[in-house]
PDB file of N, CA and C in Angstrom:
ATOM      1  N   MET A   1     112.220  41.540  77.477  1.00  0.00           N
ATOM      2  CA  MET A   1     113.026  42.774  77.428  1.00  0.00           C
ATOM      3  C   MET A   1     111.933  43.884  77.339  1.00  0.00           C
ATOM      4  N   ALA A   2     111.006  43.993  77.053  1.00  0.00           N
ATOM      5  CA  ALA A   2     110.071  45.100  76.363  1.00  0.00           C
ATOM      6  C   ALA A   2     109.394  45.730  77.906  1.00  0.00           C
ATOM      7  N   GLN A   3     109.245  44.351  78.956  1.00  0.00           N
ATOM      8  CA  GLN A   3     108.883  44.683  80.237  1.00  0.00           C
ATOM      9  C   GLN A   3     109.812  45.121  80.868  1.00  0.00           C
ATOM     10  N   ARG A   4     111.150  45.015  81.036  1.00  0.00           N
ATOM     11  CA  ARG A   4     112.115  45.879  81.507  1.00  0.00           C
ATOM     12  C   ARG A   4     112.209  47.547  81.196  1.00  0.00           C
ATOM     13  N   LYS A   5     112.073  47.679  79.654  1.00  0.00           N
ATOM     14  CA  LYS A   5     112.005  48.704  79.163  1.00  0.00           C
ATOM     15  C   LYS A   5     110.895  49.800  79.775  1.00  0.00           C
ATOM     16  N   GLY A   6     109.788  48.897  79.845  1.00  0.00           N
ATOM     17  CA  GLY A   6     108.812  49.778  80.704  1.00  0.00           C
ATOM     18  C   GLY A   6     109.107  50.007  81.667  1.00  0.00           C
ATOM     19  N   CYS A   7     109.844  49.307  82.419  1.00  0.00           N
ATOM     20  CA  CYS A   7     109.663  49.746  84.021  1.00  0.00           C
ATOM     21  C   CYS A   7     110.493  51.144  84.258  1.00  0.00           C
ATOM     22  N   LEU A   8     112.005  51.001  83.141  1.00  0.00           N
ATOM     23  CA  LEU A   8     112.741  51.937  83.237  1.00  0.00           C
ATOM     24  C   LEU A   8     112.150  53.291  82.845  1.00  0.00           C
ATOM     25  N   ILE A   9     111.409  52.916  81.937  1.00  0.00           N
ATOM     26  CA  ILE A   9     110.514  54.352  81.755  1.00  0.00           C
ATOM     27  C   ILE A   9     109.924  54.997  82.928  1.00  0.00           C
ATOM     28  N   GLY A  10     108.889  53.867  83.433  1.00  0.00           N
ATOM     29  CA  GLY A  10     108.053  54.548  84.478  1.00  0.00           C
ATOM     30  C   GLY A  10     109.401  55.128  85.635  1.00  0.00           C
ATOM     31  N   CYS A  11     110.043  54.757  86.123  1.00  0.00           N
ATOM     32  CA  CYS A  11     111.081  54.936  87.211  1.00  0.00           C
ATOM     33  C   CYS A  11     111.609  56.236  86.814  1.00  0.00           C
ATOM     34  N   GLY A  12     111.766  56.516  85.534  1.00  0.00           N
ATOM     35  CA  GLY A  12     112.356  57.722  85.073  1.00  0.00           C
ATOM     36  C   GLY A  12     111.316  58.933  85.213  1.00  0.00           C
ATOM     37  N   VAL A  13     109.952  58.324  84.939  1.00  0.00           N
ATOM     38  CA  VAL A  13     109.232  59.411  84.928  1.00  0.00           C
ATOM     39  C   VAL A  13     108.734  59.588  86.450  1.00  0.00           C
ATOM     40  N   ALA A  14     108.912  58.867  87.418  1.00  0.00           N
ATOM     41  CA  ALA A  14     108.788  58.901  88.977  1.00  0.00           C
ATOM     42  C   ALA A  14     109.869  60.047  89.165  1.00  0.00           C
ATOM     43  N   LEU A  15     111.060  59.560  88.719  1.00  0.00           N
ATOM     44  CA  LEU A  15     112.371  60.250  89.487  1.00  0.00           C
ATOM     45  C   LEU A  15     112.179  61.820  88.680  1.00  0.00           C
ATOM     46  N   VAL A  16     111.627  62.232  87.435  1.00  0.00           N
ATOM     47  CA  VAL A  16     111.313  63.508  87.209  1.00  0.00           C
ATOM     48  C   VAL A  16     110.113  64.184  87.892  1.00  0.00           C
ATOM     49  N   LEU A  17     109.014  63.182  88.080  1.00  0.00           N
ATOM     50  CA  LEU A  17     108.006  63.950  89.133  1.00  0.00           C
ATOM     51  C   LEU A  17     108.313  63.987  90.184  1.00  0.00           C
ATOM     52  N   GLY A  18     108.902  63.413  90.946  1.00  0.00           N
ATOM     53  CA  GLY A  18     110.009  63.924  92.190  1.00  0.00           C
ATOM     54  C   GLY A  18     110.948  65.138  92.354  1.00  0.00           C
ATOM     55  N   ILE A  19     111.674  64.904  91.089  1.00  0.00           N
ATOM     56  CA  ILE A  19     112.412  66.092  91.554  1.00  0.00           C
ATOM     57  C   ILE A  19     111.612  67.225  90.981  1.00  0.00           C
ATOM     58  N   ALA A  20     110.714  67.431  90.186  1.00  0.00           N
ATOM     59  CA  ALA A  20     109.681  68.629  89.963  1.00  0.00           C
ATOM     60  C   ALA A  20     108.748  68.787  91.197  1.00  0.00           C
ATOM     61  N   ALA A  21     108.837  68.053  91.923  1.00  0.00           N
ATOM     62  CA  ALA A  21     107.897  68.007  93.279  1.00  0.00           C
ATOM     63  C   ALA A  21     108.887  68.732  94.394  1.00  0.00           C
ATOM     64  N   VAL A  22     109.995  68.234  94.553  1.00  0.00           N
ATOM     65  CA  VAL A  22     110.817  69.123  95.345  1.00  0.00           C
ATOM     66  C   VAL A  22     111.526  70.661  95.001  1.00  0.00           C
ATOM     67  N   GLY A  23     111.543  70.827  93.808  1.00  0.00           N
ATOM     68  CA  GLY A  23     111.964  71.834  93.284  1.00  0.00           C
ATOM     69  C   GLY A  23     110.680  72.805  93.582  1.00  0.00           C
ATOM     70  N   ALA A  24     109.341  72.340  93.559  1.00  0.00           N
ATOM     71  CA  ALA A  24     108.357  73.117  93.711  1.00  0.00           C
ATOM     72  C   ALA A  24     108.301  73.518  95.532  1.00  0.00           C
ATOM     73  N   LEU A  25     108.573  72.722  95.831  1.00  0.00           N
ATOM     74  CA  LEU A  25     108.486  72.848  97.577  1.00  0.00           C
ATOM     75  C   LEU A  25     109.799  73.949  97.678  1.00  0.00           C
ATOM     76  N   VAL A  26     110.702  73.302  97.199  1.00  0.00           N
ATOM     77  CA  VAL A  26     111.673  74.574  97.665  1.00  0.00           C
ATOM     78  C   VAL A  26     111.221  75.963  97.368  1.00  0.00           C
ATOM     79  N   PHE A  27     110.761  76.161  95.731  1.00  0.00           N
ATOM     80  CA  PHE A  27     110.614  77.446  95.310  1.00  0.00           C
ATOM     81  C   PHE A  27     109.443  78.315  95.975  1.00  0.00           C
ATOM     82  N   GLY A  28     108.302  77.257  96.912  1.00  0.00           N
ATOM     83  CA  GLY A  28     107.380  77.746  97.620  1.00  0.00           C
ATOM     84  C   GLY A  28     107.694  78.162  98.790  1.00  0.00           C
ATOM     85  N   VAL A  29     108.341  77.406  99.310  1.00  0.00           N
ATOM     86  CA  VAL A  29     109.100  77.742 100.558  1.00  0.00           C
ATOM     87  C   VAL A  29     109.889  79.284 100.130  1.00  0.00           C
ATOM     88  N   GLY A  30     110.799  79.230  99.699  1.00  0.00           N
ATOM     89  CA  GLY A  30     111.191  80.807  99.361  1.00  0.00           C
ATOM     90  C   GLY A  30     110.214  81.815  99.058  1.00  0.00           C
ATOM     91  N   LYS A  31     109.349  81.691  98.705  1.00  0.00           N
ATOM     92  CA  LYS A  31     108.384  82.541  98.497  1.00  0.00           C
ATOM     93  C   LYS A  31     107.471  82.872  99.709  1.00  0.00           C
ATOM     94  N   VAL A  32     107.097  81.985 100.337  1.00  0.00           N
ATOM     95  CA  VAL A  32     106.952  82.617 101.766  1.00  0.00           C
ATOM     96  C   VAL A  32     107.865  83.120 102.629  1.00  0.00           C
ATOM     97  N   LEU A  33     109.004  82.517 102.781  1.00  0.00           N
ATOM     98  CA  LEU A  33     110.103  83.505 103.408  1.00  0.00           C
ATOM     99  C   LEU A  33     110.080  85.143 102.981  1.00  0.00           C
ATOM    100  N   ASP A  34     109.955  84.951 101.896  1.00  0.00           N
ATOM    101  CA  ASP A  34     110.349  86.323 101.466  1.00  0.00           C
ATOM    102  C   ASP A  34     108.783  87.386 101.218  1.00  0.00           C
ATOM    103  N   ALA A  35     108.063  86.672 101.304  1.00  0.00           N
ATOM    104  CA  ALA A  35     106.590  87.834 102.014  1.00  0.00           C
ATOM    105  C   ALA A  35     106.767  87.992 103.169  1.00  0.00           C
ATOM    106  N   ALA A  36     106.709  86.692 104.010  1.00  0.00           N
ATOM    107  CA  ALA A  36     107.265  87.291 105.565  1.00  0.00           C
ATOM    108  C   ALA A  36     108.364  88.417 105.703  1.00  0.00           C
ATOM    109  N   GLY A  37     109.738  88.058 105.228  1.00  0.00           N
ATOM    110  CA  GLY A  37     110.306  89.134 105.234  1.00  0.00           C
ATOM    111  C   GLY A  37     110.012  90.879 105.067  1.00  0.00           C
ATOM    112  N   GLU A  38     109.215  90.758 103.929  1.00  0.00           N
ATOM    113  CA  GLU A  38     108.453  91.971 103.572  1.00  0.00           C
ATOM    114  C   GLU A  38     107.281  92.397 105.012  1.00  0.00           C
ATOM    115  N   THR A  39     107.142  91.917 105.783  1.00  0.00           N
ATOM    116  CA  THR A  39     106.032  92.171 106.425  1.00  0.00           C
ATOM    117  C   THR A  39     106.850  92.611 108.145  1.00  0.00           C
ATOM    118  N   ILE A  40     108.026  92.235 107.951  1.00  0.00           N
ATOM    119  CA  ILE A  40     108.759  91.972 109.423  1.00  0.00           C
ATOM    120  C   ILE A  40     109.294  93.472 109.872  1.00  0.00           C
ATOM    121  N   LEU A  41     109.230  94.085 110.899  1.00  0.00           N
ATOM    122  CA  LEU A  41     109.612  94.921 111.349  1.00  0.00           C
ATOM    123  C   LEU A  41     109.884  95.659 112.762  1.00  0.00           C
ATOM    124  N   GLU A  42     110.997  95.892 112.769  1.00  0.00           N
ATOM    125  CA  GLU A  42     112.131  96.003 113.996  1.00  0.00           C
ATOM    126  C   GLU A  42     110.931  97.167 115.081  1.00  0.00           C
ATOM    127  N   PRO A  43     110.989  96.896 116.061  1.00  0.00           N
ATOM    128  CA  PRO A  43     110.246  98.016 117.171  1.00  0.00           C
ATOM    129  C   PRO A  43     110.944  98.998 116.968  1.00  0.00           C
ATOM    130  N   GLY A  44     112.697  99.412 117.034  1.00  0.00           N
ATOM    131  CA  GLY A  44     112.967 101.009 116.758  1.00  0.00           C
ATOM    132  C   GLY A  44     112.265 101.378 115.474  1.00  0.00           C
ATOM    133  N   VAL A  45     111.969 100.674 114.666  1.00  0.00           N
ATOM    134  CA  VAL A  45     111.728 101.463 113.688  1.00  0.00           C
ATOM    135  C   VAL A  45     110.244 102.196 113.936  1.00  0.00           C
ATOM    136  N   TYR A  46     109.498 101.672 114.188  1.00  0.00           N
ATOM    137  CA  TYR A  46     108.265 101.718 114.969  1.00  0.00           C
ATOM    138  C   TYR A  46     108.399 102.913 116.072  1.00  0.00           C
ATOM    139  N   GLN A  47     108.968 102.594 116.589  1.00  0.00           N
ATOM    140  CA  GLN A  47     109.343 103.910 117.741  1.00  0.00           C
ATOM    141  C   GLN A  47     109.586 105.282 116.757  1.00  0.00           C
ATOM    142  N   ALA A  48     110.465 105.036 115.627  1.00  0.00           N
ATOM    143  CA  ALA A  48     110.999 106.189 115.186  1.00  0.00           C
ATOM    144  C   ALA A  48     110.671 107.176 114.549  1.00  0.00           C
ATOM    145  N   VAL A  49     109.157 106.852 113.977  1.00  0.00           N
ATOM    146  CA  VAL A  49     108.668 107.443 113.309  1.00  0.00           C
ATOM    147  C   VAL A  49     107.213 108.103 114.257  1.00  0.00           C
ATOM    148  N   ASN A  50     106.698 109.595 113.608  1.00  0.00           N
ATOM    149  CA  ASN A  50     105.895 110.090 114.536  1.00  0.00           C
ATOM    150  C   ASN A  50     104.722 110.306 113.843  1.00  0.00           C
ATOM    151  N   VAL A  51     103.581 110.448 114.326  1.00  0.00           N
ATOM    152  CA  VAL A  51     102.331 111.214 113.221  1.00  0.00           C
ATOM    153  C   VAL A  51     102.481 112.604 112.675  1.00  0.00           C
ATOM    154  N   GLY A  52     102.653 112.532 111.907  1.00  0.00           N
ATOM    155  CA  GLY A  52     102.592 114.027 110.806  1.00  0.00           C
ATOM    156  C   GLY A  52     104.274 113.982 109.980  1.00  0.00           C
ATOM    157  N   ASP A  53     104.658 113.009 110.284  1.00  0.00           N
ATOM    158  CA  ASP A  53     106.161 112.886 109.373  1.00  0.00           C
ATOM    159  C   ASP A  53     105.626 112.688 107.939  1.00  0.00           C
ATOM    160  N   PRO A  54     106.680 113.412 107.124  1.00  0.00           N
ATOM    161  CA  PRO A  54     106.118 112.964 105.333  1.00  0.00           C
ATOM    162  C   PRO A  54     106.226 111.692 105.138  1.00  0.00           C
ATOM    163  N   GLN A  55     105.522 111.051 104.238  1.00  0.00           N
ATOM    164  CA  GLN A  55     105.008 109.689 103.962  1.00  0.00           C
ATOM    165  C   GLN A  55     106.119 108.968 103.780  1.00  0.00           C
ATOM    166  N   GLU A  56     106.969 110.143 102.412  1.00  0.00           N
ATOM    167  CA  GLU A  56     108.120 109.565 101.839  1.00  0.00           C
ATOM    168  C   GLU A  56     109.321 109.252 102.796  1.00  0.00           C
ATOM    169  N   ALA A  57     109.635 109.820 103.408  1.00  0.00           N
ATOM    170  CA  ALA A  57     110.830 109.411 104.446  1.00  0.00           C
ATOM    171  C   ALA A  57     109.776 108.276 105.668  1.00  0.00           C
ATOM    172  N   VAL A  58     109.023 108.632 105.875  1.00  0.00           N
ATOM    173  CA  VAL A  58     108.560 107.012 106.958  1.00  0.00           C
ATOM    174  C   VAL A  58     108.382 105.754 105.999  1.00  0.00           C
ATOM    175  N   ARG A  59     108.012 105.883 104.642  1.00  0.00           N
ATOM    176  CA  ARG A  59     108.387 104.823 104.039  1.00  0.00           C
ATOM    177  C   ARG A  59     109.451 104.125 103.460  1.00  0.00           C
ATOM    178  N   ALA A  60     110.477 105.222 103.343  1.00  0.00           N
ATOM    179  CA  ALA A  60     112.021 104.561 103.487  1.00  0.00           C
ATOM    180  C   ALA A  60     112.747 103.881 104.263  1.00  0.00           C
ATOM    181  N   LYS A  61     112.089 104.343 105.452  1.00  0.00           N
ATOM    182  CA  LYS A  61     111.906 103.095 106.723  1.00  0.00           C
ATOM    183  C   LYS A  61     111.524 101.686 107.143  1.00  0.00           C
ATOM    184  N   LEU A  62     110.890 101.360 105.881  1.00  0.00           N
ATOM    185  CA  LEU A  62     109.463 100.466 106.180  1.00  0.00           C
ATOM    186  C   LEU A  62     110.096  99.525 105.046  1.00  0.00           C
ATOM    187  N   PRO A  63     109.720  98.306 105.114  1.00  0.00           N
ATOM    188  CA  PRO A  63     109.972  97.070 104.027  1.00  0.00           C
ATOM    189  C   PRO A  63     108.513  97.396 102.973  1.00  0.00           C
ATOM    190  N   SER A  64     108.294  96.719 102.140  1.00  0.00           N
ATOM    191  CA  SER A  64     106.951  97.279 101.481  1.00  0.00           C
ATOM    192  C   SER A  64     105.745  96.669 102.041  1.00  0.00           C
ATOM    193  N   GLY A  65     105.886  95.554 102.699  1.00  0.00           N
ATOM    194  CA  GLY A  65     104.534  95.513 103.202  1.00  0.00           C
ATOM    195  C   GLY A  65     103.653  94.935 102.904  1.00  0.00           C
ATOM    196  N   GLU A  66     103.978  94.464 101.302  1.00  0.00           N
ATOM    197  CA  GLU A  66     103.106  93.731 100.530  1.00  0.00           C
ATOM    198  C   GLU A  66     103.652  92.403 100.533  1.00  0.00           C
ATOM    199  N   SER A  67     102.584  91.721 100.882  1.00  0.00           N
ATOM    200  CA  SER A  67     102.423  90.098 100.737  1.00  0.00           C
ATOM    201  C   SER A  67     101.282  89.531 100.849  1.00  0.00           C
ATOM    202  N   PHE A  68     100.912  88.097 100.524  1.00  0.00           N
ATOM    203  CA  PHE A  68     100.018  86.961 101.107  1.00  0.00           C
ATOM    204  C   PHE A  68      99.106  87.330 102.424  1.00  0.00           C
ATOM    205  N   MET A  69     100.196  88.121 103.681  1.00  0.00           N
ATOM    206  CA  MET A  69      99.985  87.843 104.819  1.00  0.00           C
ATOM    207  C   MET A  69      99.048  89.293 105.434  1.00  0.00           C
ATOM    208  N   LYS A  70      98.603  90.234 104.218  1.00  0.00           N
ATOM    209  CA  LYS A  70      98.008  91.062 104.427  1.00  0.00           C
ATOM    210  C   LYS A  70      96.715  91.106 105.040  1.00  0.00           C
ATOM    211  N   ASP A  71      96.074  89.912 104.788  1.00  0.00           N
ATOM    212  CA  ASP A  71      94.735  90.150 105.071  1.00  0.00           C
ATOM    213  C   ASP A  71      94.669  89.684 106.365  1.00  0.00           C
ATOM    214  N   ALA A  72      95.316  88.725 106.686  1.00  0.00           N
ATOM    215  CA  ALA A  72      95.851  87.866 108.412  1.00  0.00           C
ATOM    216  C   ALA A  72      96.026  89.429 109.160  1.00  0.00           C
ATOM    217  N   LEU A  73      97.206  90.249 108.950  1.00  0.00           N
ATOM    218  CA  LEU A  73      97.459  91.015 109.833  1.00  0.00           C
ATOM    219  C   LEU A  73      96.345  92.307 109.869  1.00  0.00           C
ATOM    220  N   LYS A  74      95.418  92.627 109.166  1.00  0.00           N
ATOM    221  CA  LYS A  74      94.386  93.265 109.273  1.00  0.00           C
ATOM    222  C   LYS A  74      93.612  93.246 110.478  1.00  0.00           C
ATOM    223  N   SER A  75      93.249  91.702 110.388  1.00  0.00           N
ATOM    224  CA  SER A  75      92.152  91.164 111.244  1.00  0.00           C
ATOM    225  C   SER A  75      92.353  91.561 112.691  1.00  0.00           C
ATOM    226  N   GLY A  76      91.553  92.175 113.354  1.00  0.00           N
ATOM    227  CA  GLY A  76      91.767  92.468 114.975  1.00  0.00           C
ATOM    228  C   GLY A  76      91.871  93.522 115.175  1.00  0.00           C
ATOM    229  N   GLY A  77      92.153  94.451 113.805  1.00  0.00           N
ATOM    230  CA  GLY A  77      92.534  95.362 114.460  1.00  0.00           C
ATOM    231  C   GLY A  77      91.813  96.641 114.164  1.00  0.00           C
ATOM    232  N   PRO A  78      92.169  97.788 115.009  1.00  0.00           N
ATOM    233  CA  PRO A  78      91.198  98.722 114.937  1.00  0.00           C
ATOM    234  C   PRO A  78      90.361  99.421 113.707  1.00  0.00           C
ATOM    235  N   ALA A  79      89.723  99.907 113.384  1.00  0.00           N
ATOM    236  CA  ALA A  79      89.271 100.322 112.205  1.00  0.00           C
ATOM    237  C   ALA A  79      90.217 101.361 111.426  1.00  0.00           C
ATOM    238  N   GLU A  80      90.270 101.403 110.512  1.00  0.00           N
ATOM    239  CA  GLU A  80      91.455 102.395 109.523  1.00  0.00           C
ATOM    240  C   GLU A  80      90.431 103.784 109.369  1.00  0.00           C
ATOM    241  N   PRO A  81      91.569 104.634 109.483  1.00  0.00           N
ATOM    242  CA  PRO A  81      91.280 106.236 109.517  1.00  0.00           C
ATOM    243  C   PRO A  81      90.171 106.054 108.012  1.00  0.00           C
ATOM    244  N   GLU A  82      89.323 106.916 107.807  1.00  0.00           N
ATOM    245  CA  GLU A  82      88.649 107.012 106.683  1.00  0.00           C
ATOM    246  C   GLU A  82      89.968 108.081 105.550  1.00  0.00           C
ATOM    247  N   GLY A  83      89.332 107.628 104.249  1.00  0.00           N
ATOM    248  CA  GLY A  83      90.773 108.242 103.613  1.00  0.00           C
ATOM    249  C   GLY A  83      92.194 107.906 103.268  1.00  0.00           C
ATOM    250  N   SER A  84      92.632 107.136 104.166  1.00  0.00           N
ATOM    251  CA  SER A  84      93.675 106.685 104.354  1.00  0.00           C
ATOM    252  C   SER A  84      94.248 105.498 104.075  1.00  0.00           C
ATOM    253  N   VAL A  85      95.606 105.172 103.374  1.00  0.00           N
ATOM    254  CA  VAL A  85      96.182 104.246 102.848  1.00  0.00           C
ATOM    255  C   VAL A  85      97.028 103.017 104.179  1.00  0.00           C
ATOM    256  N   CYS A  86      96.806 102.467 104.387  1.00  0.00           N
ATOM    257  CA  CYS A  86      97.316 101.891 105.476  1.00  0.00           C
ATOM    258  C   CYS A  86      98.556 100.489 105.009  1.00  0.00           C
ATOM    259  N   SER A  87      99.295 100.318 105.914  1.00  0.00           N
ATOM    260  CA  SER A  87     100.245  99.297 105.972  1.00  0.00           C
ATOM    261  C   SER A  87     100.547  98.115 107.376  1.00  0.00           C
ATOM    262  N   TRP A  88     100.714  97.300 106.670  1.00  0.00           N
ATOM    263  CA  TRP A  88     100.508  96.312 108.514  1.00  0.00           C
ATOM    264  C   TRP A  88     102.636  95.553 108.082  1.00  0.00           C
ATOM    265  N   TYR A  89     102.637  95.544 109.585  1.00  0.00           N
ATOM    266  CA  TYR A  89     103.761  94.697 109.868  1.00  0.00           C
ATOM    267  C   TYR A  89     104.071  93.810 110.772  1.00  0.00           C
ATOM    268  N   VAL A  90     104.679  93.111 111.233  1.00  0.00           N
ATOM    269  CA  VAL A  90     104.694  92.104 112.130  1.00  0.00           C
ATOM    270  C   VAL A  90     105.876  92.511 113.295  1.00  0.00           C
ATOM    271  N   SER A  91     106.279  92.420 114.322  1.00  0.00           N
ATOM    272  CA  SER A  91     107.249  92.882 115.048  1.00  0.00           C
ATOM    273  C   SER A  91     108.177  92.140 115.233  1.00  0.00           C
ATOM    274  N   ALA A  92     109.606  92.448 114.731  1.00  0.00           N
ATOM    275  CA  ALA A  92     110.656  91.070 114.466  1.00  0.00           C
ATOM    276  C   ALA A  92     111.008  90.735 116.146  1.00  0.00           C
ATOM    277  N   GLU A  93     110.429  91.180 116.708  1.00  0.00           N
ATOM    278  CA  GLU A  93     110.909  91.063 118.499  1.00  0.00           C
ATOM    279  C   GLU A  93     110.094  90.043 119.020  1.00  0.00           C
ATOM    280  N   ASP A  94     108.918  89.909 118.363  1.00  0.00           N
ATOM    281  CA  ASP A  94     107.817  89.077 118.844  1.00  0.00           C
ATOM    282  C   ASP A  94     107.890  87.359 118.676  1.00  0.00           C
ATOM    283  N   GLY A  95     108.071  86.754 119.642  1.00  0.00           N
ATOM    284  CA  GLY A  95     108.310  85.332 119.343  1.00  0.00           C
ATOM    285  C   GLY A  95     107.294  84.432 118.727  1.00  0.00           C
ATOM    286  N   ASP A  96     105.961  85.078 118.725  1.00  0.00           N
ATOM    287  CA  ASP A  96     104.605  84.096 118.539  1.00  0.00           C
ATOM    288  C   ASP A  96     104.191  85.354 117.582  1.00  0.00           C
ATOM    289  N   GLY A  97     104.722  86.263 117.016  1.00  0.00           N
ATOM    290  CA  GLY A  97     104.338  87.075 115.849  1.00  0.00           C
ATOM    291  C   GLY A  97     102.952  87.174 115.631  1.00  0.00           C
ATOM    292  N   GLU A  98     102.349  87.966 117.251  1.00  0.00           N
ATOM    293  CA  GLU A  98     101.524  88.732 117.096  1.00  0.00           C
ATOM    294  C   GLU A  98     101.106  90.246 117.540  1.00  0.00           C
ATOM    295  N   THR A  99     102.287  90.352 117.647  1.00  0.00           N
ATOM    296  CA  THR A  99     102.498  92.253 117.523  1.00  0.00           C
ATOM    297  C   THR A  99     102.355  92.602 116.416  1.00  0.00           C
ATOM    298  N   VAL A 100     101.062  93.546 115.575  1.00  0.00           N
ATOM    299  CA  VAL A 100     101.020  93.997 114.574  1.00  0.00           C
ATOM    300  C   VAL A 100     101.257  95.298 114.584  1.00  0.00           C
ATOM    301  N   TYR A 101     102.123  96.450 113.347  1.00  0.00           N
ATOM    302  CA  TYR A 101     102.499  97.254 114.129  1.00  0.00           C
ATOM    303  C   TYR A 101     101.720  98.022 112.496  1.00  0.00           C
ATOM    304  N   ARG A 102     100.561  99.378 112.401  1.00  0.00           N
ATOM    305  CA  ARG A 102      99.931  99.597 111.507  1.00  0.00           C
ATOM    306  C   ARG A 102     100.336 100.948 110.942  1.00  0.00           C
ATOM    307  N   PHE A 103     100.699 101.289 110.029  1.00  0.00           N
ATOM    308  CA  PHE A 103     100.646 102.529 109.512  1.00  0.00           C
ATOM    309  C   PHE A 103     100.158 102.991 108.295  1.00  0.00           C
ATOM    310  N   CYS A 104      99.269 104.305 108.446  1.00  0.00           N
ATOM    311  CA  CYS A 104      97.869 104.823 107.831  1.00  0.00           C
ATOM    312  C   CYS A 104      98.711 106.560 107.412  1.00  0.00           C
ATOM    313  N   PHE A 105      98.356 106.421 106.145  1.00  0.00           N
ATOM    314  CA  PHE A 105      99.089 107.862 105.422  1.00  0.00           C
ATOM    315  C   PHE A 105      97.983 108.351 105.065  1.00  0.00           C
ATOM    316  N   LYS A 106      97.615 109.854 105.137  1.00  0.00           N
ATOM    317  CA  LYS A 106      96.797 110.335 104.412  1.00  0.00           C
ATOM    318  C   LYS A 106      97.506 112.022 103.717  1.00  0.00           C
ATOM    319  N   ASP A 107      97.238 111.945 102.737  1.00  0.00           N
ATOM    320  CA  ASP A 107      97.108 113.472 102.370  1.00  0.00           C
ATOM    321  C   ASP A 107      99.023 114.004 102.736  1.00  0.00           C
ATOM    322  N   GLY A 108      99.700 112.506 102.228  1.00  0.00           N
ATOM    323  CA  GLY A 108     101.789 112.761 101.982  1.00  0.00           C
ATOM    324  C   GLY A 108     101.747 112.821 103.383  1.00  0.00           C
ATOM    325  N   LYS A 109     101.420 112.367 104.576  1.00  0.00           N
ATOM    326  CA  LYS A 109     101.927 112.584 105.908  1.00  0.00           C
ATOM    327  C   LYS A 109     101.197 110.923 106.495  1.00  0.00           C
ATOM    328  N   LEU A 110     101.987 110.522 107.506  1.00  0.00           N
ATOM    329  CA  LEU A 110     101.657 109.184 108.493  1.00  0.00           C
ATOM    330  C   LEU A 110     100.581 110.260 109.272  1.00  0.00           C
ATOM    331  N   ALA A 111      99.439 109.394 109.246  1.00  0.00           N
ATOM    332  CA  ALA A 111      98.001 109.915 109.858  1.00  0.00           C
ATOM    333  C   ALA A 111      97.758 108.980 111.023  1.00  0.00           C
ATOM    334  N   GLU A 112      98.470 108.026 111.284  1.00  0.00           N
ATOM    335  CA  GLU A 112      98.216 107.307 112.514  1.00  0.00           C
ATOM    336  C   GLU A 112      99.095 106.082 112.237  1.00  0.00           C
ATOM    337  N   LYS A 113      99.681 105.758 113.538  1.00  0.00           N
ATOM    338  CA  LYS A 113     100.249 104.553 113.624  1.00  0.00           C
ATOM    339  C   LYS A 113     100.113 104.045 114.819  1.00  0.00           C
ATOM    340  N   VAL A 114      99.788 102.317 114.704  1.00  0.00           N
ATOM    341  CA  VAL A 114      98.761 101.455 115.673  1.00  0.00           C
ATOM    342  C   VAL A 114      99.290 100.410 115.793  1.00  0.00           C
ATOM    343  N   GLU A 115      99.560 100.241 117.288  1.00  0.00           N
ATOM    344  CA  GLU A 115     100.437  98.517 117.514  1.00  0.00           C
ATOM    345  C   GLU A 115      99.238  98.068 117.947  1.00  0.00           C
ATOM    346  N   TYR A 116      98.888  96.836 117.715  1.00  0.00           N
ATOM    347  CA  TYR A 116      97.986  95.735 118.470  1.00  0.00           C
ATOM    348  C   TYR A 116      98.344  94.235 118.126  1.00  0.00           C
ATOM    349  N   ARG A 117      98.096  93.776 119.007  1.00  0.00           N
ATOM    350  CA  ARG A 117      98.018  92.078 118.950  1.00  0.00           C
ATOM    351  C   ARG A 117      96.989  91.618 117.855  1.00  0.00           C
ATOM    352  N   MET A 118      97.363  90.531 117.080  1.00  0.00           N
ATOM    353  CA  MET A 118      96.549  89.958 116.276  1.00  0.00           C
ATOM    354  C   MET A 118      95.809  89.044 116.936  1.00  0.00           C
ATOM    355  N   LYS A 119      94.567  89.055 116.496  1.00  0.00           N
ATOM    356  CA  LYS A 119      93.380  88.146 117.301  1.00  0.00           C
ATOM    357  C   LYS A 119      93.295  86.427 116.426  1.00  0.00           C
TER     358      LYS A 119
END
């Protein structure tokens, strides 16, 4: 009887740990998809803004751009303009996810917009 009870406890613990692992996996995948969604931009939005446009107006058209992918998107791009604050996005139409749009703001205006291929 004691041996059977120990087996049931072990199976119960394994079941709880398995459910917790699946829950963590689903949560993690959800977070990755949310982060990716914050960096995806339609090419039409990129084309619609112009250097010199007010920062508030441009940012209102953009997703937040804040994600763990930011460092990867920065790599291989041209140097950032000195004194500016930049945001990076991936083209929604690019199947391989290698086209990056960068918007740099300075003094309350869009100072530069650049499109490049991620290396």
